[in-house]
Amino acid sequence: VTGTGQLKRHKANTQHIMGKKSTKRKRNLRKSTLTDKTVLN
């Protein structure tokens, strides 16, 4: 939970079969993101 009450989560698709994914995509998958408003509540 963030300070403003949002939920922070890790991105999916980072566990295996990484060879076919581009470096830019893998770098962006390392970052965390916030959950969508539709499922937050």
All heavy atoms as atom14 arrays in JSON, in Angstrom:
{
  "sequence": "VTGTGQLKRHKANTQHIMGKKSTKRKRNLRKSTLTDKTVLN",
  "atom14_mask": [
    [1, 1, 1, 1, 1, 1, 1, 0, 0, 0, 0, 0, 0, 0],
    [1, 1, 1, 1, 1, 1, 1, 0, 0, 0, 0, 0, 0, 0],
    [1, 1, 1, 1, 0, 0, 0, 0, 0, 0, 0, 0, 0, 0],
    [1, 1, 1, 1, 1, 1, 1, 0, 0, 0, 0, 0, 0, 0],
    [1, 1, 1, 1, 0, 0, 0, 0, 0, 0, 0, 0, 0, 0],
    [1, 1, 1, 1, 1, 1, 1, 1, 1, 0, 0, 0, 0, 0],
    [1, 1, 1, 1, 1, 1, 1, 1, 0, 0, 0, 0, 0, 0],
    [1, 1, 1, 1, 1, 1, 1, 1, 1, 0, 0, 0, 0, 0],
    [1, 1, 1, 1, 1, 1, 1, 1, 1, 1, 1, 0, 0, 0],
    [1, 1, 1, 1, 1, 1, 1, 1, 1, 1, 0, 0, 0, 0],
    [1, 1, 1, 1, 1, 1, 1, 1, 1, 0, 0, 0, 0, 0],
    [1, 1, 1, 1, 1, 0, 0, 0, 0, 0, 0, 0, 0, 0],
    [1, 1, 1, 1, 1, 1, 1, 1, 0, 0, 0, 0, 0, 0],
    [1, 1, 1, 1, 1, 1, 1, 0, 0, 0, 0, 0, 0, 0],
    [1, 1, 1, 1, 1, 1, 1, 1, 1, 0, 0, 0, 0, 0],
    [1, 1, 1, 1, 1, 1, 1, 1, 1, 1, 0, 0, 0, 0],
    [1, 1, 1, 1, 1, 1, 1, 1, 0, 0, 0, 0, 0, 0],
    [1, 1, 1, 1, 1, 1, 1, 1, 0, 0, 0, 0, 0, 0],
    [1, 1, 1, 1, 0, 0, 0, 0, 0, 0, 0, 0, 0, 0],
    [1, 1, 1, 1, 1, 1, 1, 1, 1, 0, 0, 0, 0, 0],
    [1, 1, 1, 1, 1, 1, 1, 1, 1, 0, 0, 0, 0, 0],
    [1, 1, 1, 1, 1, 1, 0, 0, 0, 0, 0, 0, 0, 0],
    [1, 1, 1, 1, 1, 1, 1, 0, 0, 0, 0, 0, 0, 0],
    [1, 1, 1, 1, 1, 1, 1, 1, 1, 0, 0, 0, 0, 0],
    [1, 1, 1, 1, 1, 1, 1, 1, 1, 1, 1, 0, 0, 0],
    [1, 1, 1, 1, 1, 1, 1, 1, 1, 0, 0, 0, 0, 0],
    [1, 1, 1, 1, 1, 1, 1, 1, 1, 1, 1, 0, 0, 0],
    [1, 1, 1, 1, 1, 1, 1, 1, 0, 0, 0, 0, 0, 0],
    [1, 1, 1, 1, 1, 1, 1, 1, 0, 0, 0, 0, 0, 0],
    [1, 1, 1, 1, 1, 1, 1, 1, 1, 1, 1, 0, 0, 0],
    [1, 1, 1, 1, 1, 1, 1, 1, 1, 0, 0, 0, 0, 0],
    [1, 1, 1, 1, 1, 1, 0, 0, 0, 0, 0, 0, 0, 0],
    [1, 1, 1, 1, 1, 1, 1, 0, 0, 0, 0, 0, 0, 0],
    [1, 1, 1, 1, 1, 1, 1, 1, 0, 0, 0, 0, 0, 0],
    [1, 1, 1, 1, 1, 1, 1, 0, 0, 0, 0, 0, 0, 0],
    [1, 1, 1, 1, 1, 1, 1, 1, 0, 0, 0, 0, 0, 0],
    [1, 1, 1, 1, 1, 1, 1, 1, 1, 0, 0, 0, 0, 0],
    [1, 1, 1, 1, 1, 1, 1, 0, 0, 0, 0, 0, 0, 0],
    [1, 1, 1, 1, 1, 1, 1, 0, 0, 0, 0, 0, 0, 0],
    [1, 1, 1, 1, 1, 1, 1, 1, 0, 0, 0, 0, 0, 0],
    [1, 1, 1, 1, 1, 1, 1, 1, 0, 0, 0, 0, 0, 0]
  ],
  "atom14_positions": [
    [[0.85, -1.19, 0.0], [0.0, 0.0, 0.0], [0.88, 1.24, 0.0], [1.82, 1.34, 0.8], [-0.92, 0.0, 1.24], [-1.84, 1.21, 1.2], [-1.72, -1.27, 1.29], [0.0, 0.0, 0.0], [0.0, 0.0, 0.0], [0.0, 0.0, 0.0], [0.0, 0.0, 0.0], [0.0, 0.0, 0.0], [0.0, 0.0, 0.0], [0.0, 0.0, 0.0]],
    [[0.61, 2.18, -0.9], [1.35, 3.43, -0.96], [0.79, 4.4, 0.06], [-0.22, 4.14, 0.71], [1.26, 4.05, -2.36], [-0.1, 4.38, -2.63], [1.79, 3.09, -3.41], [0.0, 0.0, 0.0], [0.0, 0.0, 0.0], [0.0, 0.0, 0.0], [0.0, 0.0, 0.0], [0.0, 0.0, 0.0], [0.0, 0.0, 0.0], [0.0, 0.0, 0.0]],
    [[1.43, 5.53, 0.19], [0.99, 6.54, 1.14], [-0.35, 7.13, 0.81], [-1.08, 7.57, 1.7], [0.0, 0.0, 0.0], [0.0, 0.0, 0.0], [0.0, 0.0, 0.0], [0.0, 0.0, 0.0], [0.0, 0.0, 0.0], [0.0, 0.0, 0.0], [0.0, 0.0, 0.0], [0.0, 0.0, 0.0], [0.0, 0.0, 0.0], [0.0, 0.0, 0.0]],
    [[-0.71, 7.15, -0.46], [-1.99, 7.7, -0.88], [-3.09, 6.65, -0.93], [-4.2, 6.94, -1.37], [-1.87, 8.36, -2.26], [-1.39, 7.39, -3.2], [-0.92, 9.54, -2.21], [0.0, 0.0, 0.0], [0.0, 0.0, 0.0], [0.0, 0.0, 0.0], [0.0, 0.0, 0.0], [0.0, 0.0, 0.0], [0.0, 0.0, 0.0], [0.0, 0.0, 0.0]],
    [[-2.79, 5.41, -0.52], [-3.8, 4.36, -0.48], [-3.92, 3.52, -1.73], [-4.79, 2.66, -1.82], [0.0, 0.0, 0.0], [0.0, 0.0, 0.0], [0.0, 0.0, 0.0], [0.0, 0.0, 0.0], [0.0, 0.0, 0.0], [0.0, 0.0, 0.0], [0.0, 0.0, 0.0], [0.0, 0.0, 0.0], [0.0, 0.0, 0.0], [0.0, 0.0, 0.0]],
    [[-3.04, 3.74, -2.71], [-3.06, 2.91, -3.89], [-2.27, 1.64, -3.63], [-1.5, 1.56, -2.67], [-2.48, 3.67, -5.08], [-3.32, 4.85, -5.5], [-2.68, 5.61, -6.63], [-1.48, 5.9, -6.58], [-3.44, 5.93, -7.64], [0.0, 0.0, 0.0], [0.0, 0.0, 0.0], [0.0, 0.0, 0.0], [0.0, 0.0, 0.0], [0.0, 0.0, 0.0]],
    [[-2.44, 0.64, -4.48], [-1.74, -0.63, -4.32], [-0.66, -0.75, -5.37], [-0.92, -0.6, -6.57], [-2.71, -1.8, -4.43], [-3.73, -1.92, -3.3], [-4.65, -3.09, -3.55], [-3.05, -2.07, -1.96], [0.0, 0.0, 0.0], [0.0, 0.0, 0.0], [0.0, 0.0, 0.0], [0.0, 0.0, 0.0], [0.0, 0.0, 0.0], [0.0, 0.0, 0.0]],
    [[0.55, -1.05, -4.93], [1.68, -1.23, -5.82], [1.88, -2.72, -6.05], [1.76, -3.52, -5.12], [2.92, -0.61, -5.19], [4.09, -0.45, -6.13], [5.11, 0.53, -5.6], [5.87, -0.06, -4.43], [7.08, 0.72, -4.11], [0.0, 0.0, 0.0], [0.0, 0.0, 0.0], [0.0, 0.0, 0.0], [0.0, 0.0, 0.0], [0.0, 0.0, 0.0]],
    [[2.18, -3.1, -7.28], [2.36, -4.5, -7.62], [3.52, -4.65, -8.59], [3.94, -3.69, -9.23], [1.1, -5.08, -8.25], [0.78, -4.46, -9.61], [-0.35, -5.18, -10.32], [-0.68, -4.54, -11.58], [-0.07, -4.81, -12.73], [0.91, -5.69, -12.78], [-0.42, -4.2, -13.84], [0.0, 0.0, 0.0], [0.0, 0.0, 0.0], [0.0, 0.0, 0.0]],
    [[4.01, -5.87, -8.72], [5.04, -6.18, -9.7], [4.38, -6.61, -10.99], [3.25, -7.1, -11.0], [5.96, -7.29, -9.19], [6.79, -6.88, -8.02], [7.81, -5.96, -8.14], [6.75, -7.22, -6.72], [8.36, -5.77, -6.96], [7.73, -6.52, -6.07], [0.0, 0.0, 0.0], [0.0, 0.0, 0.0], [0.0, 0.0, 0.0], [0.0, 0.0, 0.0]],
    [[5.09, -6.45, -12.08], [4.55, -6.83, -13.39], [4.76, -8.32, -13.64], [5.67, -8.94, -13.1], [5.22, -6.01, -14.48], [4.87, -4.53, -14.4], [5.47, -3.76, -15.53], [5.11, -2.29, -15.41], [5.74, -1.5, -16.47], [0.0, 0.0, 0.0], [0.0, 0.0, 0.0], [0.0, 0.0, 0.0], [0.0, 0.0, 0.0], [0.0, 0.0, 0.0]],
    [[3.91, -8.87, -14.48], [3.96, -10.29, -14.81], [4.91, -10.53, -15.99], [5.48, -9.59, -16.55], [2.56, -10.78, -15.16], [0.0, 0.0, 0.0], [0.0, 0.0, 0.0], [0.0, 0.0, 0.0], [0.0, 0.0, 0.0], [0.0, 0.0, 0.0], [0.0, 0.0, 0.0], [0.0, 0.0, 0.0], [0.0, 0.0, 0.0], [0.0, 0.0, 0.0]],
    [[5.06, -11.78, -16.37], [5.83, -12.22, -17.53], [7.33, -11.99, -17.37], [8.01, -11.61, -18.31], [5.34, -11.51, -18.81], [3.88, -11.72, -19.05], [3.38, -12.83, -18.94], [3.17, -10.65, -19.37], [0.0, 0.0, 0.0], [0.0, 0.0, 0.0], [0.0, 0.0, 0.0], [0.0, 0.0, 0.0], [0.0, 0.0, 0.0], [0.0, 0.0, 0.0]],
    [[7.86, -12.25, -16.19], [9.29, -12.06, -15.97], [9.99, -13.32, -15.49], [11.18, -13.27, -15.15], [9.54, -10.96, -14.92], [8.94, -11.37, -13.69], [8.95, -9.65, -15.35], [0.0, 0.0, 0.0], [0.0, 0.0, 0.0], [0.0, 0.0, 0.0], [0.0, 0.0, 0.0], [0.0, 0.0, 0.0], [0.0, 0.0, 0.0], [0.0, 0.0, 0.0]],
    [[9.32, -14.47, -15.46], [9.91, -15.64, -14.81], [10.72, -16.52, -15.76], [11.75, -17.03, -15.36], [8.79, -16.48, -14.17], [8.09, -15.77, -13.04], [9.04, -15.41, -11.91], [9.84, -16.22, -11.48], [8.97, -14.19, -11.44], [0.0, 0.0, 0.0], [0.0, 0.0, 0.0], [0.0, 0.0, 0.0], [0.0, 0.0, 0.0], [0.0, 0.0, 0.0]],
    [[10.29, -16.7, -16.97], [11.03, -17.56, -17.89], [10.73, -17.13, -19.32], [9.94, -16.22, -19.55], [10.67, -19.04, -17.68], [9.25, -19.37, -17.99], [8.19, -18.92, -17.24], [8.71, -20.11, -18.98], [7.06, -19.38, -17.78], [7.35, -20.1, -18.82], [0.0, 0.0, 0.0], [0.0, 0.0, 0.0], [0.0, 0.0, 0.0], [0.0, 0.0, 0.0]],
    [[11.39, -17.77, -20.27], [11.31, -17.44, -21.7], [11.66, -15.97, -21.9], [10.93, -15.2, -22.51], [9.92, -17.78, -22.3], [9.47, -19.16, -21.87], [9.97, -17.72, -23.83], [8.08, -19.54, -22.33], [0.0, 0.0, 0.0], [0.0, 0.0, 0.0], [0.0, 0.0, 0.0], [0.0, 0.0, 0.0], [0.0, 0.0, 0.0], [0.0, 0.0, 0.0]],
    [[12.81, -15.58, -21.35], [13.22, -14.19, -21.44], [14.04, -13.9, -22.69], [14.25, -12.75, -23.06], [14.04, -13.8, -20.19], [13.27, -13.92, -18.9], [11.86, -12.83, -18.8], [12.67, -11.31, -18.43], [0.0, 0.0, 0.0], [0.0, 0.0, 0.0], [0.0, 0.0, 0.0], [0.0, 0.0, 0.0], [0.0, 0.0, 0.0], [0.0, 0.0, 0.0]],
    [[14.51, -14.94, -23.36], [15.39, -14.74, -24.5], [14.73, -14.05, -25.67], [15.38, -13.29, -26.4], [0.0, 0.0, 0.0], [0.0, 0.0, 0.0], [0.0, 0.0, 0.0], [0.0, 0.0, 0.0], [0.0, 0.0, 0.0], [0.0, 0.0, 0.0], [0.0, 0.0, 0.0], [0.0, 0.0, 0.0], [0.0, 0.0, 0.0], [0.0, 0.0, 0.0]],
    [[13.44, -14.3, -25.86], [12.76, -13.7, -27.01], [12.23, -12.31, -26.72], [11.74, -11.65, -27.63], [11.63, -14.61, -27.48], [10.53, -14.81, -26.47], [9.37, -15.61, -27.05], [9.72, -17.05, -27.28], [8.57, -17.87, -27.66], [0.0, 0.0, 0.0], [0.0, 0.0, 0.0], [0.0, 0.0, 0.0], [0.0, 0.0, 0.0], [0.0, 0.0, 0.0]],
    [[12.31, -11.86, -25.48], [11.83, -10.53, -25.13], [12.96, -9.53, -25.31], [14.12, -9.81, -25.0], [11.34, -10.51, -23.68], [10.13, -11.39, -23.48], [9.73, -11.5, -22.04], [8.55, -12.45, -21.94], [8.5, -13.15, -20.68], [0.0, 0.0, 0.0], [0.0, 0.0, 0.0], [0.0, 0.0, 0.0], [0.0, 0.0, 0.0], [0.0, 0.0, 0.0]],
    [[12.61, -8.35, -25.78], [13.62, -7.34, -26.04], [14.18, -6.78, -24.73], [13.55, -6.89, -23.67], [13.03, -6.19, -26.87], [12.1, -5.47, -26.1], [0.0, 0.0, 0.0], [0.0, 0.0, 0.0], [0.0, 0.0, 0.0], [0.0, 0.0, 0.0], [0.0, 0.0, 0.0], [0.0, 0.0, 0.0], [0.0, 0.0, 0.0], [0.0, 0.0, 0.0]],
    [[15.34, -6.18, -24.82], [15.98, -5.6, -23.62], [15.12, -4.5, -23.04], [15.0, -4.38, -21.81], [17.36, -5.06, -24.0], [18.11, -6.08, -24.64], [18.11, -4.59, -22.78], [0.0, 0.0, 0.0], [0.0, 0.0, 0.0], [0.0, 0.0, 0.0], [0.0, 0.0, 0.0], [0.0, 0.0, 0.0], [0.0, 0.0, 0.0], [0.0, 0.0, 0.0]],
    [[14.52, -3.7, -23.89], [13.66, -2.61, -23.42], [12.45, -3.16, -22.68], [12.06, -2.64, -21.63], [13.21, -1.77, -24.61], [12.31, -0.62, -24.26], [11.92, 0.16, -25.5], [10.98, 1.29, -25.17], [10.6, 2.03, -26.38], [0.0, 0.0, 0.0], [0.0, 0.0, 0.0], [0.0, 0.0, 0.0], [0.0, 0.0, 0.0], [0.0, 0.0, 0.0]],
    [[11.88, -4.23, -23.2], [10.71, -4.83, -22.55], [11.08, -5.43, -21.2], [10.36, -5.27, -20.21], [10.13, -5.9, -23.46], [8.88, -6.57, -22.94], [8.34, -7.53, -23.96], [7.26, -8.32, -23.4], [6.75, -9.39, -23.97], [7.22, -9.8, -25.14], [5.77, -10.06, -23.41], [0.0, 0.0, 0.0], [0.0, 0.0, 0.0], [0.0, 0.0, 0.0]],
    [[12.22, -6.12, -21.14], [12.66, -6.71, -19.87], [12.97, -5.64, -18.84], [12.68, -5.8, -17.66], [13.88, -7.6, -20.1], [13.56, -8.89, -20.84], [14.73, -9.81, -20.86], [15.66, -9.48, -22.0], [16.68, -10.52, -22.21], [0.0, 0.0, 0.0], [0.0, 0.0, 0.0], [0.0, 0.0, 0.0], [0.0, 0.0, 0.0], [0.0, 0.0, 0.0]],
    [[13.55, -4.54, -19.27], [13.86, -3.44, -18.36], [12.59, -2.83, -17.79], [12.5, -2.51, -16.61], [14.7, -2.39, -19.09], [15.16, -1.25, -18.22], [16.15, -0.36, -18.95], [15.58, 0.24, -20.14], [15.95, -0.04, -21.4], [16.9, -0.94, -21.63], [15.4, 0.57, -22.42], [0.0, 0.0, 0.0], [0.0, 0.0, 0.0], [0.0, 0.0, 0.0]],
    [[11.57, -2.67, -18.62], [10.3, -2.09, -18.16], [9.53, -3.06, -17.28], [8.77, -2.63, -16.41], [9.45, -1.66, -19.35], [9.97, -0.39, -19.98], [10.53, 0.47, -19.3], [9.82, -0.27, -21.29], [0.0, 0.0, 0.0], [0.0, 0.0, 0.0], [0.0, 0.0, 0.0], [0.0, 0.0, 0.0], [0.0, 0.0, 0.0], [0.0, 0.0, 0.0]],
    [[9.71, -4.36, -17.47], [9.04, -5.35, -16.62], [9.62, -5.39, -15.21], [8.96, -5.86, -14.29], [9.12, -6.74, -17.26], [8.23, -6.97, -18.48], [8.55, -8.3, -19.13], [6.78, -6.89, -18.11], [0.0, 0.0, 0.0], [0.0, 0.0, 0.0], [0.0, 0.0, 0.0], [0.0, 0.0, 0.0], [0.0, 0.0, 0.0], [0.0, 0.0, 0.0]],
    [[10.85, -4.91, -15.04], [11.45, -4.88, -13.71], [10.8, -3.86, -12.8], [10.85, -3.99, -11.59], [12.95, -4.59, -13.81], [13.79, -5.75, -14.27], [15.25, -5.55, -13.96], [15.84, -4.41, -14.65], [16.54, -4.5, -15.78], [16.72, -5.67, -16.35], [17.07, -3.43, -16.33], [0.0, 0.0, 0.0], [0.0, 0.0, 0.0], [0.0, 0.0, 0.0]],
    [[10.23, -2.82, -13.38], [9.64, -1.75, -12.59], [8.29, -2.18, -12.03], [7.57, -2.97, -12.63], [9.44, -0.5, -13.46], [10.73, 0.02, -14.07], [10.44, 1.14, -15.03], [11.69, 1.61, -15.73], [11.4, 2.62, -16.74], [0.0, 0.0, 0.0], [0.0, 0.0, 0.0], [0.0, 0.0, 0.0], [0.0, 0.0, 0.0], [0.0, 0.0, 0.0]],
    [[7.96, -1.64, -10.87], [6.64, -1.92, -10.31], [5.64, -0.91, -10.86], [6.01, 0.12, -11.41], [6.69, -1.84, -8.79], [7.11, -0.57, -8.38], [0.0, 0.0, 0.0], [0.0, 0.0, 0.0], [0.0, 0.0, 0.0], [0.0, 0.0, 0.0], [0.0, 0.0, 0.0], [0.0, 0.0, 0.0], [0.0, 0.0, 0.0], [0.0, 0.0, 0.0]],
    [[4.36, -1.24, -10.7], [3.31, -0.38, -11.21], [2.16, -0.37, -10.22], [2.15, -1.13, -9.25], [2.84, -0.85, -12.6], [1.91, 0.07, -13.12], [2.21, -2.22, -12.52], [0.0, 0.0, 0.0], [0.0, 0.0, 0.0], [0.0, 0.0, 0.0], [0.0, 0.0, 0.0], [0.0, 0.0, 0.0], [0.0, 0.0, 0.0], [0.0, 0.0, 0.0]],
    [[1.18, 0.48, -10.46], [0.02, 0.56, -9.59], [-1.11, -0.28, -10.16], [-1.22, -0.45, -11.38], [-0.44, 2.02, -9.45], [0.57, 2.96, -8.81], [0.05, 4.39, -8.86], [0.89, 2.55, -7.4], [0.0, 0.0, 0.0], [0.0, 0.0, 0.0], [0.0, 0.0, 0.0], [0.0, 0.0, 0.0], [0.0, 0.0, 0.0], [0.0, 0.0, 0.0]],
    [[-1.97, -0.8, -9.28], [-3.1, -1.59, -9.75], [-4.12, -0.69, -10.43], [-4.2, 0.51, -10.16], [-3.78, -2.32, -8.59], [-4.12, -1.37, -7.6], [-2.87, -3.37, -8.0], [0.0, 0.0, 0.0], [0.0, 0.0, 0.0], [0.0, 0.0, 0.0], [0.0, 0.0, 0.0], [0.0, 0.0, 0.0], [0.0, 0.0, 0.0], [0.0, 0.0, 0.0]],
    [[-4.91, -1.29, -11.27], [-5.93, -0.55, -12.0], [-7.08, -0.17, -11.06], [-7.36, -0.87, -10.09], [-6.46, -1.42, -13.14], [-7.28, -0.62, -14.13], [-6.78, 0.39, -14.64], [-8.43, -1.01, -14.37], [0.0, 0.0, 0.0], [0.0, 0.0, 0.0], [0.0, 0.0, 0.0], [0.0, 0.0, 0.0], [0.0, 0.0, 0.0], [0.0, 0.0, 0.0]],
    [[-7.74, 0.93, -11.36], [-8.82, 1.41, -10.51], [-10.01, 0.45, -10.48], [-10.75, 0.41, -9.51], [-9.3, 2.77, -11.0], [-8.29, 3.87, -10.83], [-8.82, 5.18, -11.4], [-7.78, 6.26, -11.32], [-8.24, 7.51, -11.92], [0.0, 0.0, 0.0], [0.0, 0.0, 0.0], [0.0, 0.0, 0.0], [0.0, 0.0, 0.0], [0.0, 0.0, 0.0]],
    [[-10.18, -0.34, -11.53], [-11.34, -1.23, -11.61], [-11.27, -2.37, -10.61], [-12.31, -2.88, -10.18], [-11.49, -1.8, -13.03], [-10.28, -2.48, -13.38], [-11.75, -0.7, -14.03], [0.0, 0.0, 0.0], [0.0, 0.0, 0.0], [0.0, 0.0, 0.0], [0.0, 0.0, 0.0], [0.0, 0.0, 0.0], [0.0, 0.0, 0.0], [0.0, 0.0, 0.0]],
    [[-10.09, -2.79, -10.22], [-9.95, -3.9, -9.27], [-9.44, -3.44, -7.91], [-9.32, -4.25, -6.99], [-9.02, -5.0, -9.82], [-9.61, -5.64, -11.05], [-7.64, -4.45, -10.1], [0.0, 0.0, 0.0], [0.0, 0.0, 0.0], [0.0, 0.0, 0.0], [0.0, 0.0, 0.0], [0.0, 0.0, 0.0], [0.0, 0.0, 0.0], [0.0, 0.0, 0.0]],
    [[-9.17, -2.17, -7.77], [-8.57, -1.65, -6.54], [-9.46, -1.88, -5.33], [-9.02, -2.4, -4.3], [-8.27, -0.16, -6.7], [-7.58, 0.52, -5.54], [-6.19, -0.05, -5.35], [-7.5, 2.01, -5.76], [0.0, 0.0, 0.0], [0.0, 0.0, 0.0], [0.0, 0.0, 0.0], [0.0, 0.0, 0.0], [0.0, 0.0, 0.0], [0.0, 0.0, 0.0]],
    [[-10.73, -1.54, -5.42], [-11.62, -1.66, -4.28], [-11.87, -3.1, -3.89], [-11.95, -3.43, -2.7], [-12.95, -0.95, -4.55], [-12.79, 0.55, -4.54], [-11.89, 1.08, -3.88], [-13.64, 1.25, -5.27], [0.0, 0.0, 0.0], [0.0, 0.0, 0.0], [0.0, 0.0, 0.0], [0.0, 0.0, 0.0], [0.0, 0.0, 0.0], [0.0, 0.0, 0.0]]
  ]
}
